[in-house]
């Protein structure tokens, strides 16, 4: 897949010990350990499940089926994460991903994503955030400019003031499962990674465009909802998906020819 192809790290990045490369070849500053971040993700996910109402079992099975199909096609090392996904009762059409493989989808998103393929584009996108270490990158950049590494290393417990601030930096907003958005760069990168992931699992990548057309219809073509205010525009996201569609379709056709035909009954 295109996002697994290694690209040369820039000379500037090569001079920074904590610099890494994202799945698409973009240079990243990653200062936190995977273990530390994954534990933060686990704590936050536990908190979400304690505080937020969960959806019906049929909705849980539907979303889990789609997530399982995508995760099953990941390289073995990436499958070792504690991949979990839950559906939360909320009209807000949103989804989130936390370090360690913990994900949530609101029931409002199920109203927008009207097929398994459309929802696969959402879940693939969230998995893309995890694989690209976006939470680590965001926290590392913020810590390098304002928080300071001492705050991150000394924070214990998500309920403290420092813990709540750190959750926000990680894209892990603590209220009602609505997370603070990642940057436009992160969102666009997760779109590309997710497009390939869904296609490799046998979901039709063209439905990712339909999903965003549905989003446009809901917003009436006006300004995006407040929770999406720092995301790329809907039209921009559609253009980005379409520009990467040819390779995704090739992956999709290969997956289908290899017998990967996921069937996740919608509740």
Protein backbone atom coordinates (compact mmCIF):
# COMPACT_ATOMS: atom_id res chain seq x y z
CA UNK A 1 0.00 0.00 0.00
CA UNK A 2 1.17 3.51 -0.78
CA UNK A 3 1.27 4.60 2.88
CA UNK A 4 3.60 1.75 3.82
CA UNK A 5 6.26 2.76 1.32
CA UNK A 6 9.29 4.18 3.17
CA UNK A 7 10.34 7.65 2.05
CA UNK A 8 13.56 9.48 2.81
CA UNK A 9 13.53 11.54 6.00
CA UNK A 10 14.50 15.15 5.49
CA UNK A 11 17.93 16.36 6.54
CA UNK A 12 16.37 18.47 9.27
CA UNK A 13 14.50 15.53 10.70
CA UNK A 14 17.61 13.37 10.57
CA UNK A 15 19.26 15.73 13.00
CA UNK A 16 16.53 15.22 15.63
CA UNK A 17 16.81 12.06 17.72
CA UNK A 18 13.06 11.85 18.34
CA UNK A 19 12.10 12.35 14.71
CA UNK A 20 10.21 9.57 12.96
CA UNK A 21 8.30 9.01 9.73
CA UNK A 22 4.55 8.56 9.35
CA UNK A 23 3.06 5.75 7.22
CA UNK A 24 2.81 8.20 4.31
CA UNK A 25 6.45 9.26 4.64
CA UNK A 26 5.82 12.55 6.45
CA UNK A 27 8.41 13.58 9.07
CA UNK A 28 7.13 13.55 12.67
CA UNK A 29 8.41 14.58 16.10
CA UNK A 30 7.55 11.76 18.55
CA UNK A 31 8.73 12.27 22.12
CA UNK A 32 6.47 9.98 24.16
CA UNK A 33 6.83 6.24 24.50
CA UNK A 34 4.20 3.97 22.98
CA UNK A 35 3.63 2.31 26.33
CA UNK A 36 2.95 5.61 28.06
CA UNK A 37 0.51 6.77 25.41
CA UNK A 38 -1.28 3.43 25.17
CA UNK A 39 -1.88 3.46 28.90
CA UNK A 40 -3.32 6.97 28.65
CA UNK A 41 -5.59 5.77 25.87
CA UNK A 42 -6.74 2.81 27.96
CA UNK A 43 -7.54 5.06 30.93
CA UNK A 44 -9.49 7.51 28.80
CA UNK A 45 -11.42 4.73 27.07
CA UNK A 46 -12.37 3.23 30.44
CA UNK A 47 -13.56 6.65 31.57
CA UNK A 48 -15.70 7.08 28.45
CA UNK A 49 -17.40 3.76 29.02
CA UNK A 50 -18.13 4.61 32.64
CA UNK A 51 -19.60 8.02 31.89
CA UNK A 52 -21.33 7.66 28.53
CA UNK A 53 -24.36 5.56 27.57
CA UNK A 54 -23.59 2.77 25.14
CA UNK A 55 -25.78 1.78 22.21
CA UNK A 56 -27.65 -1.46 21.58
CA UNK A 57 -25.87 -4.78 21.25
CA UNK A 58 -26.92 -5.01 17.60
CA UNK A 59 -25.16 -1.70 16.90
CA UNK A 60 -22.11 -2.90 18.79
CA UNK A 61 -21.96 -6.11 16.74
CA UNK A 62 -22.34 -4.18 13.48
CA UNK A 63 -19.50 -1.77 14.21
CA UNK A 64 -17.31 -4.51 15.68
CA UNK A 65 -17.77 -6.63 12.54
CA UNK A 66 -16.48 -3.82 10.35
CA UNK A 67 -13.56 -3.04 12.66
CA UNK A 68 -12.59 -6.72 12.86
CA UNK A 69 -12.49 -7.01 9.07
CA UNK A 70 -10.11 -4.05 8.78
CA UNK A 71 -7.87 -4.98 11.71
CA UNK A 72 -7.54 -8.54 10.37
CA UNK A 73 -5.69 -7.17 7.33
CA UNK A 74 -3.13 -5.17 9.32
CA UNK A 75 0.46 -6.41 9.62
CA UNK A 76 0.94 -8.80 12.55
CA UNK A 77 2.79 -6.25 14.68
CA UNK A 78 -0.04 -3.73 14.39
CA UNK A 79 -2.63 -6.35 15.21
CA UNK A 80 -1.00 -6.70 18.64
CA UNK A 81 -2.58 -3.46 19.84
CA UNK A 82 -5.61 -3.82 22.11
CA UNK A 83 -8.06 -2.94 19.34
CA UNK A 84 -11.45 -2.19 20.88
CA UNK A 85 -14.41 -0.23 19.55
CA UNK A 86 -17.65 0.86 21.23
CA UNK A 87 -20.80 2.62 20.04
CA UNK A 88 -22.01 5.48 22.24
CA UNK A 89 -25.49 6.98 22.31
CA UNK A 90 -25.12 10.50 20.96
CA UNK A 91 -26.75 12.40 18.11
CA UNK A 92 -23.42 14.04 17.28
CA UNK A 93 -22.10 12.36 14.09
CA UNK A 94 -18.63 11.75 15.40
CA UNK A 95 -16.00 9.07 15.97
CA UNK A 96 -12.69 9.03 17.79
CA UNK A 97 -9.52 7.01 18.21
CA UNK A 98 -7.18 6.84 21.20
CA UNK A 99 -3.62 5.57 21.45
CA UNK A 100 -3.50 1.82 21.91
CA UNK A 101 -6.29 1.05 19.46
CA UNK A 102 -9.31 2.22 21.47
CA UNK A 103 -12.08 3.67 19.29
CA UNK A 104 -15.59 5.01 19.65
CA UNK A 105 -18.42 5.73 17.23
CA UNK A 106 -21.51 7.77 18.07
CA UNK A 107 -24.94 6.58 16.98
CA UNK A 108 -25.28 9.87 15.10
CA UNK A 109 -22.56 8.67 12.76
CA UNK A 110 -24.60 5.56 11.98
CA UNK A 111 -27.33 7.86 10.66
CA UNK A 112 -24.85 9.49 8.27
CA UNK A 113 -22.97 6.35 7.24
CA UNK A 114 -25.85 4.43 5.68
CA UNK A 115 -23.90 1.32 4.58
CA UNK A 116 -21.14 -0.91 5.89
CA UNK A 117 -18.76 0.53 3.31
CA UNK A 118 -19.41 4.10 4.38
CA UNK A 119 -18.90 3.21 8.03
CA UNK A 120 -15.74 1.31 7.07
CA UNK A 121 -14.34 4.59 5.76
CA UNK A 122 -14.96 6.16 9.18
CA UNK A 123 -13.39 3.28 11.09
CA UNK A 124 -10.48 3.03 8.64
CA UNK A 125 -9.87 6.74 9.14
CA UNK A 126 -9.77 6.34 12.93
CA UNK A 127 -7.43 3.35 12.69
CA UNK A 128 -5.28 5.54 10.45
CA UNK A 129 -4.91 8.07 13.27
CA UNK A 130 -3.60 5.31 15.54
CA UNK A 131 -1.20 3.81 12.98
CA UNK A 132 0.22 7.24 12.15
CA UNK A 133 0.88 8.08 15.83
CA UNK A 134 -1.04 11.32 15.51
CA UNK A 135 -1.71 11.56 19.25
CA UNK A 136 1.99 11.19 20.01
CA UNK A 137 2.88 13.77 17.37
CA UNK A 138 0.34 16.25 18.66
CA UNK A 139 1.40 15.82 22.27
CA UNK A 140 5.08 15.98 21.35
CA UNK A 141 4.67 19.18 19.37
CA UNK A 142 2.64 20.78 22.13
CA UNK A 143 5.05 19.69 24.83
CA UNK A 144 7.98 21.08 22.88
CA UNK A 145 6.31 24.48 22.66
CA UNK A 146 4.33 24.99 25.86
CA UNK A 147 3.59 22.07 28.18
CA UNK A 148 7.12 20.88 28.76
CA UNK A 149 8.12 17.25 29.01
CA UNK A 150 8.10 17.39 32.81
CA UNK A 151 4.30 17.89 32.73
CA UNK A 152 3.79 14.87 30.52
CA UNK A 153 6.17 12.62 32.42
CA UNK A 154 4.77 13.56 35.82
CA UNK A 155 1.05 13.41 34.97
CA UNK A 156 -0.68 10.55 36.75
CA UNK A 157 -4.41 10.03 36.53
CA UNK A 158 -6.69 11.56 33.92
CA UNK A 159 -8.77 13.46 36.50
CA UNK A 160 -6.04 15.90 37.50
CA UNK A 161 -5.78 19.31 35.88
CA UNK A 162 -2.63 18.22 34.10
CA UNK A 163 -4.27 15.01 33.02
CA UNK A 164 -7.27 16.81 31.57
CA UNK A 165 -5.01 19.22 29.69
CA UNK A 166 -2.96 16.34 28.35
CA UNK A 167 -6.10 14.52 27.20
CA UNK A 168 -6.98 17.57 25.17
CA UNK A 169 -3.52 17.71 23.64
CA UNK A 170 -3.80 14.05 22.66
CA UNK A 171 -7.11 14.69 20.91
CA UNK A 172 -8.88 12.97 23.79
CA UNK A 173 -11.58 15.43 24.91
CA UNK A 174 -13.17 14.09 28.09
CA UNK A 175 -16.76 15.28 27.69
CA UNK A 176 -19.38 13.03 26.12
CA UNK A 177 -16.97 11.29 23.80
CA UNK A 178 -16.47 14.34 21.59
CA UNK A 179 -12.73 14.58 21.08
CA UNK A 180 -10.78 17.65 20.18
CA UNK A 181 -9.95 17.52 16.49
CA UNK A 182 -6.53 16.70 15.16
CA UNK A 183 -4.89 19.09 12.71
CA UNK A 184 -5.92 19.35 9.07
CA UNK A 185 -2.72 17.55 8.13
CA UNK A 186 -3.54 14.65 10.44
CA UNK A 187 -7.11 14.42 9.18
CA UNK A 188 -6.05 14.38 5.52
CA UNK A 189 -3.38 11.79 6.23
CA UNK A 190 -5.84 9.57 8.11
CA UNK A 191 -8.22 9.85 5.14
CA UNK A 192 -5.57 8.45 2.78
CA UNK A 193 -4.53 5.67 5.15
CA UNK A 194 -8.14 4.76 5.90
CA UNK A 195 -9.00 4.65 2.21
CA UNK A 196 -6.37 1.98 1.63
CA UNK A 197 -7.28 0.08 4.79
CA UNK A 198 -10.96 -0.23 3.92
CA UNK A 199 -10.15 -1.26 0.35
CA UNK A 200 -7.66 -3.89 1.47
CA UNK A 201 -10.36 -5.38 3.72
CA UNK A 202 -12.82 -5.61 0.82
CA UNK A 203 -14.95 -2.52 1.47
CA UNK A 204 -15.74 -0.32 -1.54
CA UNK A 205 -13.52 2.79 -1.23
CA UNK A 206 -15.84 4.81 -3.48
CA UNK A 207 -18.31 4.87 -0.62
CA UNK A 208 -15.92 7.12 1.32
CA UNK A 209 -16.88 9.88 -1.10
CA UNK A 210 -20.57 9.09 -0.64
CA UNK A 211 -20.10 9.44 3.12
CA UNK A 212 -18.79 12.98 2.75
CA UNK A 213 -21.53 13.81 0.28
CA UNK A 214 -23.94 12.73 3.02
CA UNK A 215 -22.10 15.03 5.42
CA UNK A 216 -22.51 17.90 2.98
CA UNK A 217 -26.20 17.18 2.68
CA UNK A 218 -26.67 17.22 6.45
CA UNK A 219 -24.84 20.54 6.77
CA UNK A 220 -26.90 21.99 3.92
CA UNK A 221 -23.79 23.06 2.06
CA UNK A 222 -23.08 25.74 4.66
CA UNK A 223 -20.45 25.96 7.34
CA UNK A 224 -19.40 22.66 8.92
CA UNK A 225 -20.57 21.81 12.45
CA UNK A 226 -18.53 23.37 15.26
CA UNK A 227 -16.85 20.06 16.09
CA UNK A 228 -15.44 19.98 12.55
CA UNK A 229 -14.33 23.60 12.44
CA UNK A 230 -10.61 22.83 12.30
CA UNK A 231 -10.97 19.85 9.95
CA UNK A 232 -10.38 20.10 6.19
CA UNK A 233 -13.45 21.30 4.32
CA UNK A 234 -15.86 18.63 3.11
CA UNK A 235 -15.16 19.46 -0.52
CA UNK A 236 -11.43 19.33 0.12
CA UNK A 237 -11.78 15.91 1.74
CA UNK A 238 -13.74 14.59 -1.22
CA UNK A 239 -11.08 15.89 -3.61
CA UNK A 240 -8.36 14.24 -1.54
CA UNK A 241 -10.17 10.92 -1.54
CA UNK A 242 -10.84 11.06 -5.26
CA UNK A 243 -7.21 11.86 -6.04
CA UNK A 244 -6.16 8.66 -4.24
CA UNK A 245 -9.02 6.50 -5.51
CA UNK A 246 -7.29 4.67 -8.39
CA UNK A 247 -4.84 2.84 -6.15
CA UNK A 248 -7.53 2.19 -3.55
CA UNK A 249 -9.74 0.62 -6.22
CA UNK A 250 -6.86 -1.63 -7.28
CA UNK A 251 -6.52 -2.80 -3.67
CA UNK A 252 -10.28 -3.31 -3.49
CA UNK A 253 -10.40 -5.42 -6.65
CA UNK A 254 -7.49 -7.51 -5.41
CA UNK A 255 -9.18 -8.03 -2.05
CA UNK A 256 -12.44 -9.11 -3.65
CA UNK A 257 -10.65 -11.50 -6.00
CA UNK A 258 -8.97 -13.03 -2.95
CA UNK A 259 -12.35 -13.67 -1.35
CA UNK A 260 -12.47 -10.77 1.08
CA UNK A 261 -16.18 -9.90 0.94
CA UNK A 262 -17.16 -8.60 4.38
CA UNK A 263 -20.82 -8.91 5.29
CA UNK A 264 -21.77 -6.93 8.39
CA UNK A 265 -25.58 -6.76 8.79
CA UNK A 266 -26.78 -3.27 9.64
CA UNK A 267 -29.03 -3.19 12.74
